[in-house]
C-alpha cells in the first residue's frame, strides 16, 4: 500500500471526486481530506491510498493536473518526523523577560 499526498486541491473537492479522479489510474483504497479544526472548512490537501503498483502511475499522471482551475501537486506522502506533535509554536511561555537593570 502506498500513501499519496495531493496538494492544491480546490476547496470544493470531495472524497468522492478525488476517488473518481484517482480511480481512473487504479484501485483506490482510501481518501482522506482533512478539515481545519477551528473553521471546519477543507484545508486544500488530502491523502489517497493505492496499491504500490498503481500509485506511481497515478502520481505521474496527475501531478500538475488541473482540477477546477487549480494545478494539483501529487507525490508520495512523507511520514511525519518522529517526536513532533502538531500545532504551531516555538516555545516557551510568556513574553516578559526580566532584566537585572533597574
PDB file of N, CA and C in Angstrom:
ATOM      1  N   UNK A   1       0.840  -1.172   0.000  1.00  0.00           N
ATOM      2  CA  UNK A   1       0.000   0.000   0.000  1.00  0.00           C
ATOM      3  C   UNK A   1       0.889   1.241   0.000  1.00  0.00           C
ATOM      4  N   UNK A   2       0.511   2.223  -0.801  1.00  0.00           N
ATOM      5  CA  UNK A   2       1.267   3.472  -0.876  1.00  0.00           C
ATOM      6  C   UNK A   2       0.340   4.632  -0.556  1.00  0.00           C
ATOM      7  N   UNK A   3       0.866   5.590   0.195  1.00  0.00           N
ATOM      8  CA  UNK A   3       0.090   6.774   0.558  1.00  0.00           C
ATOM      9  C   UNK A   3       0.561   7.934  -0.311  1.00  0.00           C
ATOM     10  N   UNK A   4      -0.399   8.626  -0.928  1.00  0.00           N
ATOM     11  CA  UNK A   4      -0.114   9.704  -1.867  1.00  0.00           C
ATOM     12  C   UNK A   4      -0.615  11.018  -1.279  1.00  0.00           C
ATOM     13  N   UNK A   5       0.224  12.044  -1.330  1.00  0.00           N
ATOM     14  CA  UNK A   5      -0.166  13.391  -0.924  1.00  0.00           C
ATOM     15  C   UNK A   5      -0.732  14.121  -2.138  1.00  0.00           C
ATOM     16  N   UNK A   6      -1.861  14.793  -1.961  1.00  0.00           N
ATOM     17  CA  UNK A   6      -2.482  15.578  -3.027  1.00  0.00           C
ATOM     18  C   UNK A   6      -2.647  16.995  -2.500  1.00  0.00           C
ATOM     19  N   UNK A   7      -1.880  17.923  -3.051  1.00  0.00           N
ATOM     20  CA  UNK A   7      -1.929  19.303  -2.598  1.00  0.00           C
ATOM     21  C   UNK A   7      -2.567  20.212  -3.626  1.00  0.00           C
ATOM     22  N   UNK A   8      -2.939  21.400  -3.182  1.00  0.00           N
ATOM     23  CA  UNK A   8      -3.560  22.435  -4.004  1.00  0.00           C
ATOM     24  C   UNK A   8      -4.930  22.022  -4.527  1.00  0.00           C
ATOM     25  N   UNK A   9      -5.623  21.217  -3.725  1.00  0.00           N
ATOM     26  CA  UNK A   9      -6.977  20.814  -4.100  1.00  0.00           C
ATOM     27  C   UNK A   9      -7.919  22.015  -4.019  1.00  0.00           C
ATOM     28  N   UNK A  10      -8.888  22.090  -4.920  1.00  0.00           N
ATOM     29  CA  UNK A  10      -9.915  23.127  -4.754  1.00  0.00           C
ATOM     30  C   UNK A  10     -10.702  22.844  -3.480  1.00  0.00           C
ATOM     31  N   UNK A  11     -11.174  23.881  -2.823  1.00  0.00           N
ATOM     32  CA  UNK A  11     -11.889  23.693  -1.560  1.00  0.00           C
ATOM     33  C   UNK A  11     -13.228  22.999  -1.760  1.00  0.00           C
ATOM     34  N   UNK A  12     -13.686  22.945  -2.991  1.00  0.00           N
ATOM     35  CA  UNK A  12     -14.949  22.259  -3.284  1.00  0.00           C
ATOM     36  C   UNK A  12     -14.755  20.761  -3.533  1.00  0.00           C
ATOM     37  N   UNK A  13     -13.499  20.288  -3.535  1.00  0.00           N
ATOM     38  CA  UNK A  13     -13.232  18.865  -3.782  1.00  0.00           C
ATOM     39  C   UNK A  13     -13.851  18.014  -2.673  1.00  0.00           C
ATOM     40  N   UNK A  14     -14.390  16.872  -3.063  1.00  0.00           N
ATOM     41  CA  UNK A  14     -14.959  15.928  -2.101  1.00  0.00           C
ATOM     42  C   UNK A  14     -14.171  14.629  -2.162  1.00  0.00           C
ATOM     43  N   UNK A  15     -14.367  13.783  -1.157  1.00  0.00           N
ATOM     44  CA  UNK A  15     -13.710  12.483  -1.184  1.00  0.00           C
ATOM     45  C   UNK A  15     -14.130  11.713  -2.427  1.00  0.00           C
ATOM     46  N   UNK A  16     -15.388  11.834  -2.815  1.00  0.00           N
ATOM     47  CA  UNK A  16     -15.889  11.119  -3.988  1.00  0.00           C
ATOM     48  C   UNK A  16     -15.216  11.611  -5.272  1.00  0.00           C
ATOM     49  N   UNK A  17     -15.056  12.942  -5.417  1.00  0.00           N
ATOM     50  CA  UNK A  17     -14.444  13.463  -6.643  1.00  0.00           C
ATOM     51  C   UNK A  17     -12.971  13.086  -6.732  1.00  0.00           C
ATOM     52  N   UNK A  18     -12.277  13.062  -5.591  1.00  0.00           N
ATOM     53  CA  UNK A  18     -10.862  12.667  -5.584  1.00  0.00           C
ATOM     54  C   UNK A  18     -10.747  11.165  -5.861  1.00  0.00           C
ATOM     55  N   UNK A  19     -11.638  10.372  -5.270  1.00  0.00           N
ATOM     56  CA  UNK A  19     -11.640   8.926  -5.507  1.00  0.00           C
ATOM     57  C   UNK A  19     -11.863   8.630  -6.996  1.00  0.00           C
ATOM     58  N   UNK A  20     -12.778   9.355  -7.607  1.00  0.00           N
ATOM     59  CA  UNK A  20     -13.060   9.161  -9.032  1.00  0.00           C
ATOM     60  C   UNK A  20     -11.858   9.537  -9.895  1.00  0.00           C
ATOM     61  N   UNK A  21     -11.216  10.663  -9.571  1.00  0.00           N
ATOM     62  CA  UNK A  21     -10.050  11.118 -10.324  1.00  0.00           C
ATOM     63  C   UNK A  21      -8.922  10.087 -10.265  1.00  0.00           C
ATOM     64  N   UNK A  22      -8.598   9.601  -9.067  1.00  0.00           N
ATOM     65  CA  UNK A  22      -7.508   8.646  -8.904  1.00  0.00           C
ATOM     66  C   UNK A  22      -7.922   7.246  -9.367  1.00  0.00           C
ATOM     67  N   UNK A  23      -9.207   6.942  -9.275  1.00  0.00           N
ATOM     68  CA  UNK A  23      -9.696   5.632  -9.682  1.00  0.00           C
ATOM     69  C   UNK A  23      -9.477   5.337 -11.149  1.00  0.00           C
ATOM     70  N   UNK A  24      -9.316   6.355 -11.961  1.00  0.00           N
ATOM     71  CA  UNK A  24      -9.014   6.150 -13.375  1.00  0.00           C
ATOM     72  C   UNK A  24      -7.613   5.578 -13.580  1.00  0.00           C
ATOM     73  N   UNK A  25      -6.810   5.567 -12.510  1.00  0.00           N
ATOM     74  CA  UNK A  25      -5.422   5.104 -12.610  1.00  0.00           C
ATOM     75  C   UNK A  25      -5.142   3.885 -11.736  1.00  0.00           C
ATOM     76  N   UNK A  26      -6.181   3.302 -11.159  1.00  0.00           N
ATOM     77  CA  UNK A  26      -6.010   2.106 -10.340  1.00  0.00           C
ATOM     78  C   UNK A  26      -7.022   2.086  -9.211  1.00  0.00           C
ATOM     79  N   UNK A  27      -6.953   1.030  -8.420  1.00  0.00           N
ATOM     80  CA  UNK A  27      -7.891   0.849  -7.314  1.00  0.00           C
ATOM     81  C   UNK A  27      -7.514   1.754  -6.140  1.00  0.00           C
ATOM     82  N   UNK A  28      -8.467   2.555  -5.689  1.00  0.00           N
ATOM     83  CA  UNK A  28      -8.259   3.458  -4.561  1.00  0.00           C
ATOM     84  C   UNK A  28      -8.735   2.755  -3.292  1.00  0.00           C
ATOM     85  N   UNK A  29      -7.848   2.667  -2.311  1.00  0.00           N
ATOM     86  CA  UNK A  29      -8.192   2.029  -1.034  1.00  0.00           C
ATOM     87  C   UNK A  29      -8.888   3.000  -0.093  1.00  0.00           C
ATOM     88  N   UNK A  30      -8.379   4.234  -0.027  1.00  0.00           N
ATOM     89  CA  UNK A  30      -8.994   5.223   0.856  1.00  0.00           C
ATOM     90  C   UNK A  30      -8.642   6.627   0.398  1.00  0.00           C
ATOM     91  N   UNK A  31      -9.483   7.584   0.810  1.00  0.00           N
ATOM     92  CA  UNK A  31      -9.268   9.006   0.551  1.00  0.00           C
ATOM     93  C   UNK A  31      -9.533   9.743   1.858  1.00  0.00           C
ATOM     94  N   UNK A  32      -8.653  10.664   2.230  1.00  0.00           N
ATOM     95  CA  UNK A  32      -8.842  11.478   3.429  1.00  0.00           C
ATOM     96  C   UNK A  32      -8.573  12.934   3.077  1.00  0.00           C
ATOM     97  N   UNK A  33      -9.566  13.789   3.326  1.00  0.00           N
ATOM     98  CA  UNK A  33      -9.429  15.222   3.096  1.00  0.00           C
ATOM     99  C   UNK A  33      -9.647  15.934   4.431  1.00  0.00           C
ATOM    100  N   UNK A  34      -8.559  16.308   5.120  1.00  0.00           N
ATOM    101  CA  UNK A  34      -8.700  16.909   6.447  1.00  0.00           C
ATOM    102  C   UNK A  34      -9.360  18.283   6.397  1.00  0.00           C
ATOM    103  N   UNK A  35     -10.108  18.577   7.452  1.00  0.00           N
ATOM    104  CA  UNK A  35     -10.723  19.889   7.621  1.00  0.00           C
ATOM    105  C   UNK A  35      -9.988  20.654   8.704  1.00  0.00           C
ATOM    106  N   UNK A  36     -10.045  21.983   8.616  1.00  0.00           N
ATOM    107  CA  UNK A  36      -9.474  22.846   9.633  1.00  0.00           C
ATOM    108  C   UNK A  36     -10.239  22.648  10.946  1.00  0.00           C
ATOM    109  N   UNK A  37      -9.537  22.505  12.043  1.00  0.00           N
ATOM    110  CA  UNK A  37     -10.186  22.247  13.328  1.00  0.00           C
ATOM    111  C   UNK A  37     -11.057  23.413  13.785  1.00  0.00           C
ATOM    112  N   UNK A  38     -10.609  24.618  13.525  1.00  0.00           N
ATOM    113  CA  UNK A  38     -11.349  25.784  14.017  1.00  0.00           C
ATOM    114  C   UNK A  38     -12.538  26.143  13.140  1.00  0.00           C
ATOM    115  N   UNK A  39     -12.365  26.098  11.818  1.00  0.00           N
ATOM    116  CA  UNK A  39     -13.433  26.543  10.917  1.00  0.00           C
ATOM    117  C   UNK A  39     -14.265  25.398  10.369  1.00  0.00           C
ATOM    118  N   UNK A  40     -13.706  24.181  10.375  1.00  0.00           N
ATOM    119  CA  UNK A  40     -14.411  23.038   9.795  1.00  0.00           C
ATOM    120  C   UNK A  40     -14.362  23.015   8.276  1.00  0.00           C
ATOM    121  N   UNK A  41     -13.667  23.973   7.681  1.00  0.00           N
ATOM    122  CA  UNK A  41     -13.583  24.033   6.227  1.00  0.00           C
ATOM    123  C   UNK A  41     -12.405  23.202   5.727  1.00  0.00           C
ATOM    124  N   UNK A  42     -12.457  22.763   4.462  1.00  0.00           N
ATOM    125  CA  UNK A  42     -11.352  21.968   3.900  1.00  0.00           C
ATOM    126  C   UNK A  42     -10.033  22.736   3.940  1.00  0.00           C
ATOM    127  N   UNK A  43      -8.955  21.987   4.062  1.00  0.00           N
ATOM    128  CA  UNK A  43      -7.625  22.596   4.162  1.00  0.00           C
ATOM    129  C   UNK A  43      -6.909  22.669   2.819  1.00  0.00           C
ATOM    130  N   UNK A  44      -7.485  22.073   1.768  1.00  0.00           N
ATOM    131  CA  UNK A  44      -6.893  22.193   0.440  1.00  0.00           C
ATOM    132  C   UNK A  44      -5.861  21.124   0.100  1.00  0.00           C
ATOM    133  N   UNK A  45      -5.809  20.081   0.907  1.00  0.00           N
ATOM    134  CA  UNK A  45      -4.929  18.954   0.589  1.00  0.00           C
ATOM    135  C   UNK A  45      -5.583  17.683   1.094  1.00  0.00           C
ATOM    136  N   UNK A  46      -5.003  16.559   0.698  1.00  0.00           N
ATOM    137  CA  UNK A  46      -5.544  15.290   1.148  1.00  0.00           C
ATOM    138  C   UNK A  46      -4.574  14.157   0.902  1.00  0.00           C
ATOM    139  N   UNK A  47      -5.030  12.950   1.229  1.00  0.00           N
ATOM    140  CA  UNK A  47      -4.218  11.753   1.076  1.00  0.00           C
ATOM    141  C   UNK A  47      -5.050  10.668   0.415  1.00  0.00           C
ATOM    142  N   UNK A  48      -4.412   9.945  -0.484  1.00  0.00           N
ATOM    143  CA  UNK A  48      -5.049   8.832  -1.186  1.00  0.00           C
ATOM    144  C   UNK A  48      -4.172   7.610  -0.981  1.00  0.00           C
ATOM    145  N   UNK A  49      -4.790   6.476  -0.665  1.00  0.00           N
ATOM    146  CA  UNK A  49      -4.039   5.223  -0.553  1.00  0.00           C
ATOM    147  C   UNK A  49      -4.395   4.334  -1.732  1.00  0.00           C
ATOM    148  N   UNK A  50      -3.349   3.850  -2.400  1.00  0.00           N
ATOM    149  CA  UNK A  50      -3.493   2.942  -3.539  1.00  0.00           C
ATOM    150  C   UNK A  50      -2.452   1.843  -3.403  1.00  0.00           C
ATOM    151  N   UNK A  51      -2.561   0.834  -4.244  1.00  0.00           N
ATOM    152  CA  UNK A  51      -1.555  -0.230  -4.222  1.00  0.00           C
ATOM    153  C   UNK A  51      -0.208   0.335  -4.650  1.00  0.00           C
ATOM    154  N   UNK A  52       0.848  -0.346  -4.231  1.00  0.00           N
ATOM    155  CA  UNK A  52       2.204   0.105  -4.559  1.00  0.00           C
ATOM    156  C   UNK A  52       2.468   0.077  -6.060  1.00  0.00           C
ATOM    157  N   UNK A  53       1.718  -0.715  -6.814  1.00  0.00           N
ATOM    158  CA  UNK A  53       1.920  -0.744  -8.268  1.00  0.00           C
ATOM    159  C   UNK A  53       1.130   0.352  -8.972  1.00  0.00           C
ATOM    160  N   UNK A  54      -0.058   0.712  -8.446  1.00  0.00           N
ATOM    161  CA  UNK A  54      -0.873   1.749  -9.082  1.00  0.00           C
ATOM    162  C   UNK A  54      -0.440   3.163  -8.713  1.00  0.00           C
ATOM    163  N   UNK A  55       0.092   3.346  -7.519  1.00  0.00           N
ATOM    164  CA  UNK A  55       0.428   4.684  -7.022  1.00  0.00           C
ATOM    165  C   UNK A  55       1.395   5.447  -7.932  1.00  0.00           C
ATOM    166  N   UNK A  56       2.508   4.860  -8.371  1.00  0.00           N
ATOM    167  CA  UNK A  56       3.423   5.629  -9.227  1.00  0.00           C
ATOM    168  C   UNK A  56       2.768   6.083 -10.539  1.00  0.00           C
ATOM    169  N   UNK A  57       1.898   5.247 -11.095  1.00  0.00           N
ATOM    170  CA  UNK A  57       1.195   5.634 -12.331  1.00  0.00           C
ATOM    171  C   UNK A  57       0.288   6.825 -12.068  1.00  0.00           C
ATOM    172  N   UNK A  58      -0.446   6.782 -10.968  1.00  0.00           N
ATOM    173  CA  UNK A  58      -1.354   7.876 -10.628  1.00  0.00           C
ATOM    174  C   UNK A  58      -0.580   9.166 -10.350  1.00  0.00           C
ATOM    175  N   UNK A  59       0.536   9.052  -9.647  1.00  0.00           N
ATOM    176  CA  UNK A  59       1.345  10.233  -9.333  1.00  0.00           C
ATOM    177  C   UNK A  59       1.831  10.898 -10.614  1.00  0.00           C
ATOM    178  N   UNK A  60       2.400  10.124 -11.510  1.00  0.00           N
ATOM    179  CA  UNK A  60       2.939  10.736 -12.726  1.00  0.00           C
ATOM    180  C   UNK A  60       1.837  11.277 -13.632  1.00  0.00           C
ATOM    181  N   UNK A  61       0.663  10.639 -13.635  1.00  0.00           N
ATOM    182  CA  UNK A  61      -0.433  11.098 -14.487  1.00  0.00           C
ATOM    183  C   UNK A  61      -1.119  12.343 -13.927  1.00  0.00           C
ATOM    184  N   UNK A  62      -1.168  12.477 -12.598  1.00  0.00           N
ATOM    185  CA  UNK A  62      -1.985  13.535 -12.012  1.00  0.00           C
ATOM    186  C   UNK A  62      -1.196  14.715 -11.443  1.00  0.00           C
ATOM    187  N   UNK A  63       0.112  14.605 -11.301  1.00  0.00           N
ATOM    188  CA  UNK A  63       0.883  15.747 -10.824  1.00  0.00           C
ATOM    189  C   UNK A  63       0.822  16.846 -11.876  1.00  0.00           C
ATOM    190  N   UNK A  64       0.305  18.000 -11.491  1.00  0.00           N
ATOM    191  CA  UNK A  64       0.134  19.106 -12.431  1.00  0.00           C
ATOM    192  C   UNK A  64      -1.223  19.126 -13.116  1.00  0.00           C
ATOM    193  N   UNK A  65      -2.029  18.088 -12.892  1.00  0.00           N
ATOM    194  CA  UNK A  65      -3.370  18.002 -13.486  1.00  0.00           C
ATOM    195  C   UNK A  65      -4.234  19.160 -12.972  1.00  0.00           C
ATOM    196  N   UNK A  66      -4.986  19.786 -13.870  1.00  0.00           N
ATOM    197  CA  UNK A  66      -5.872  20.886 -13.472  1.00  0.00           C
ATOM    198  C   UNK A  66      -7.192  20.330 -12.954  1.00  0.00           C
ATOM    199  N   UNK A  67      -7.543  20.718 -11.739  1.00  0.00           N
ATOM    200  CA  UNK A  67      -8.836  20.348 -11.154  1.00  0.00           C
ATOM    201  C   UNK A  67      -9.521  21.649 -10.757  1.00  0.00           C
ATOM    202  N   UNK A  68     -10.590  21.967 -11.438  1.00  0.00           N
ATOM    203  CA  UNK A  68     -11.325  23.217 -11.205  1.00  0.00           C
ATOM    204  C   UNK A  68     -10.387  24.424 -11.236  1.00  0.00           C
ATOM    205  N   UNK A  69      -9.487  24.420 -12.206  1.00  0.00           N
ATOM    206  CA  UNK A  69      -8.586  25.550 -12.400  1.00  0.00           C
ATOM    207  C   UNK A  69      -7.364  25.571 -11.502  1.00  0.00           C
ATOM    208  N   UNK A  70      -7.192  24.565 -10.666  1.00  0.00           N
ATOM    209  CA  UNK A  70      -6.028  24.510  -9.782  1.00  0.00           C
ATOM    210  C   UNK A  70      -5.119  23.368 -10.207  1.00  0.00           C
ATOM    211  N   UNK A  71      -3.841  23.634 -10.272  1.00  0.00           N
ATOM    212  CA  UNK A  71      -2.853  22.642 -10.662  1.00  0.00           C
ATOM    213  C   UNK A  71      -2.474  21.804  -9.439  1.00  0.00           C
ATOM    214  N   UNK A  72      -2.834  20.512  -9.472  1.00  0.00           N
ATOM    215  CA  UNK A  72      -2.593  19.629  -8.332  1.00  0.00           C
ATOM    216  C   UNK A  72      -1.107  19.336  -8.154  1.00  0.00           C
ATOM    217  N   UNK A  73      -0.706  19.214  -6.897  1.00  0.00           N
ATOM    218  CA  UNK A  73       0.634  18.723  -6.563  1.00  0.00           C
ATOM    219  C   UNK A  73       0.452  17.336  -5.989  1.00  0.00           C
ATOM    220  N   UNK A  74       0.972  16.357  -6.695  1.00  0.00           N
ATOM    221  CA  UNK A  74       0.760  14.964  -6.308  1.00  0.00           C
ATOM    222  C   UNK A  74       2.116  14.283  -6.173  1.00  0.00           C
ATOM    223  N   UNK A  75       2.377  13.720  -4.994  1.00  0.00           N
ATOM    224  CA  UNK A  75       3.617  12.971  -4.792  1.00  0.00           C
ATOM    225  C   UNK A  75       3.422  11.964  -3.671  1.00  0.00           C
ATOM    226  N   UNK A  76       4.434  11.143  -3.477  1.00  0.00           N
ATOM    227  CA  UNK A  76       4.363  10.149  -2.404  1.00  0.00           C
ATOM    228  C   UNK A  76       4.377  10.873  -1.073  1.00  0.00           C
ATOM    229  N   UNK A  77       3.471  10.514  -0.184  1.00  0.00           N
ATOM    230  CA  UNK A  77       3.388  11.157   1.127  1.00  0.00           C
ATOM    231  C   UNK A  77       4.611  10.808   1.948  1.00  0.00           C
ATOM    232  N   UNK A  78       5.080  11.771   2.703  1.00  0.00           N
ATOM    233  CA  UNK A  78       6.205  11.571   3.597  1.00  0.00           C
ATOM    234  C   UNK A  78       5.675  11.407   5.013  1.00  0.00           C
ATOM    235  N   UNK A  79       6.271  10.497   5.769  1.00  0.00           N
ATOM    236  CA  UNK A  79       5.883  10.322   7.164  1.00  0.00           C
ATOM    237  C   UNK A  79       6.270  11.555   7.966  1.00  0.00           C
ATOM    238  N   UNK A  80       5.470  11.859   8.991  1.00  0.00           N
ATOM    239  CA  UNK A  80       5.806  12.962   9.885  1.00  0.00           C
ATOM    240  C   UNK A  80       7.082  12.605  10.638  1.00  0.00           C
ATOM    241  N   UNK A  81       7.933  13.586  10.896  1.00  0.00           N
ATOM    242  CA  UNK A  81       9.124  13.301  11.697  1.00  0.00           C
ATOM    243  C   UNK A  81       8.720  12.824  13.090  1.00  0.00           C
ATOM    244  N   UNK A  82       9.447  11.864  13.618  1.00  0.00           N
ATOM    245  CA  UNK A  82       9.138  11.306  14.940  1.00  0.00           C
ATOM    246  C   UNK A  82       9.362  12.355  16.018  1.00  0.00           C
ATOM    247  N   UNK A  83       8.539  12.294  17.041  1.00  0.00           N
ATOM    248  CA  UNK A  83       8.744  13.164  18.170  1.00  0.00           C
ATOM    249  C   UNK A  83       8.125  14.537  18.033  1.00  0.00           C
ATOM    250  N   UNK A  84       7.463  14.821  16.936  1.00  0.00           N
ATOM    251  CA  UNK A  84       6.852  16.133  16.758  1.00  0.00           C
ATOM    252  C   UNK A  84       5.352  16.001  16.868  1.00  0.00           C
ATOM    253  N   UNK A  85       4.780  16.889  17.582  1.00  0.00           N
ATOM    254  CA  UNK A  85       3.328  16.905  17.643  1.00  0.00           C
ATOM    255  C   UNK A  85       2.858  18.059  16.789  1.00  0.00           C
ATOM    256  N   UNK A  86       1.611  18.032  16.443  1.00  0.00           N
ATOM    257  CA  UNK A  86       1.067  19.074  15.599  1.00  0.00           C
ATOM    258  C   UNK A  86       1.003  20.398  16.321  1.00  0.00           C
ATOM    259  N   UNK A  87       0.560  21.376  15.621  1.00  0.00           N
ATOM    260  CA  UNK A  87       0.388  22.677  16.225  1.00  0.00           C
ATOM    261  C   UNK A  87       1.569  23.579  15.951  1.00  0.00           C
ATOM    262  N   UNK A  88       1.340  24.813  16.163  1.00  0.00           N
ATOM    263  CA  UNK A  88       2.387  25.772  15.875  1.00  0.00           C
ATOM    264  C   UNK A  88       3.157  26.079  17.125  1.00  0.00           C
ATOM    265  N   UNK A  89       3.984  26.980  16.979  1.00  0.00           N
ATOM    266  CA  UNK A  89       4.585  27.440  18.192  1.00  0.00           C
ATOM    267  C   UNK A  89       6.038  27.200  18.219  1.00  0.00           C
ATOM    268  N   UNK A  90       6.693  27.748  18.899  1.00  0.00           N
ATOM    269  CA  UNK A  90       8.089  27.588  19.012  1.00  0.00           C
ATOM    270  C   UNK A  90       8.447  27.639  20.424  1.00  0.00           C
ATOM    271  N   UNK A  91       7.714  27.528  21.324  1.00  0.00           N
ATOM    272  CA  UNK A  91       8.445  27.525  22.523  1.00  0.00           C
ATOM    273  C   UNK A  91       7.674  27.929  23.718  1.00  0.00           C
ATOM    274  N   UNK A  92       8.420  28.448  24.557  1.00  0.00           N
ATOM    275  CA  UNK A  92       8.076  28.608  25.923  1.00  0.00           C
ATOM    276  C   UNK A  92       6.967  29.577  26.230  1.00  0.00           C
ATOM    277  N   UNK A  93       7.075  30.115  27.345  1.00  0.00           N
ATOM    278  CA  UNK A  93       5.977  30.832  27.927  1.00  0.00           C
ATOM    279  C   UNK A  93       5.889  32.284  27.541  1.00  0.00           C
ATOM    280  N   UNK A  94       5.422  33.059  28.479  1.00  0.00           N
ATOM    281  CA  UNK A  94       5.023  34.439  28.264  1.00  0.00           C
ATOM    282  C   UNK A  94       6.087  35.331  27.674  1.00  0.00           C
ATOM    283  N   UNK A  95       5.692  36.547  27.430  1.00  0.00           N
ATOM    284  CA  UNK A  95       6.566  37.470  26.740  1.00  0.00           C
ATOM    285  C   UNK A  95       7.395  38.348  27.660  1.00  0.00           C
ATOM    286  N   UNK A  96       7.262  38.226  28.964  1.00  0.00           N
ATOM    287  CA  UNK A  96       8.014  39.073  29.882  1.00  0.00           C
ATOM    288  C   UNK A  96       9.382  38.462  30.121  1.00  0.00           C
ATOM    289  N   UNK A  97      10.388  39.281  29.966  1.00  0.00           N
ATOM    290  CA  UNK A  97      11.740  38.830  30.223  1.00  0.00           C
ATOM    291  C   UNK A  97      12.375  39.767  31.250  1.00  0.00           C
ATOM    292  N   UNK A  98      12.691  39.239  32.400  1.00  0.00           N
ATOM    293  CA  UNK A  98      13.235  40.071  33.475  1.00  0.00           C
ATOM    294  C   UNK A  98      14.638  40.531  33.142  1.00  0.00           C
ATOM    295  N   UNK A  99      14.975  41.661  33.676  1.00  0.00           N
ATOM    296  CA  UNK A  99      16.301  42.209  33.446  1.00  0.00           C
ATOM    297  C   UNK A  99      16.911  42.621  34.783  1.00  0.00           C
ATOM    298  N   UNK A 100      18.201  42.580  34.866  1.00  0.00           N
ATOM    299  CA  UNK A 100      18.873  42.987  36.092  1.00  0.00           C
ATOM    300  C   UNK A 100      19.116  44.496  36.115  1.00  0.00           C
ATOM    301  N   UNK A 101      18.759  45.183  35.056  1.00  0.00           N
ATOM    302  CA  UNK A 101      18.974  46.639  35.012  1.00  0.00           C
ATOM    303  C   UNK A 101      17.799  47.352  35.663  1.00  0.00           C
ATOM    304  N   UNK A 102      18.037  48.034  36.770  1.00  0.00           N
ATOM    305  CA  UNK A 102      16.977  48.784  37.458  1.00  0.00           C
ATOM    306  C   UNK A 102      17.283  50.184  37.352  1.00  0.00           C
TER     307      UNK A 102
END
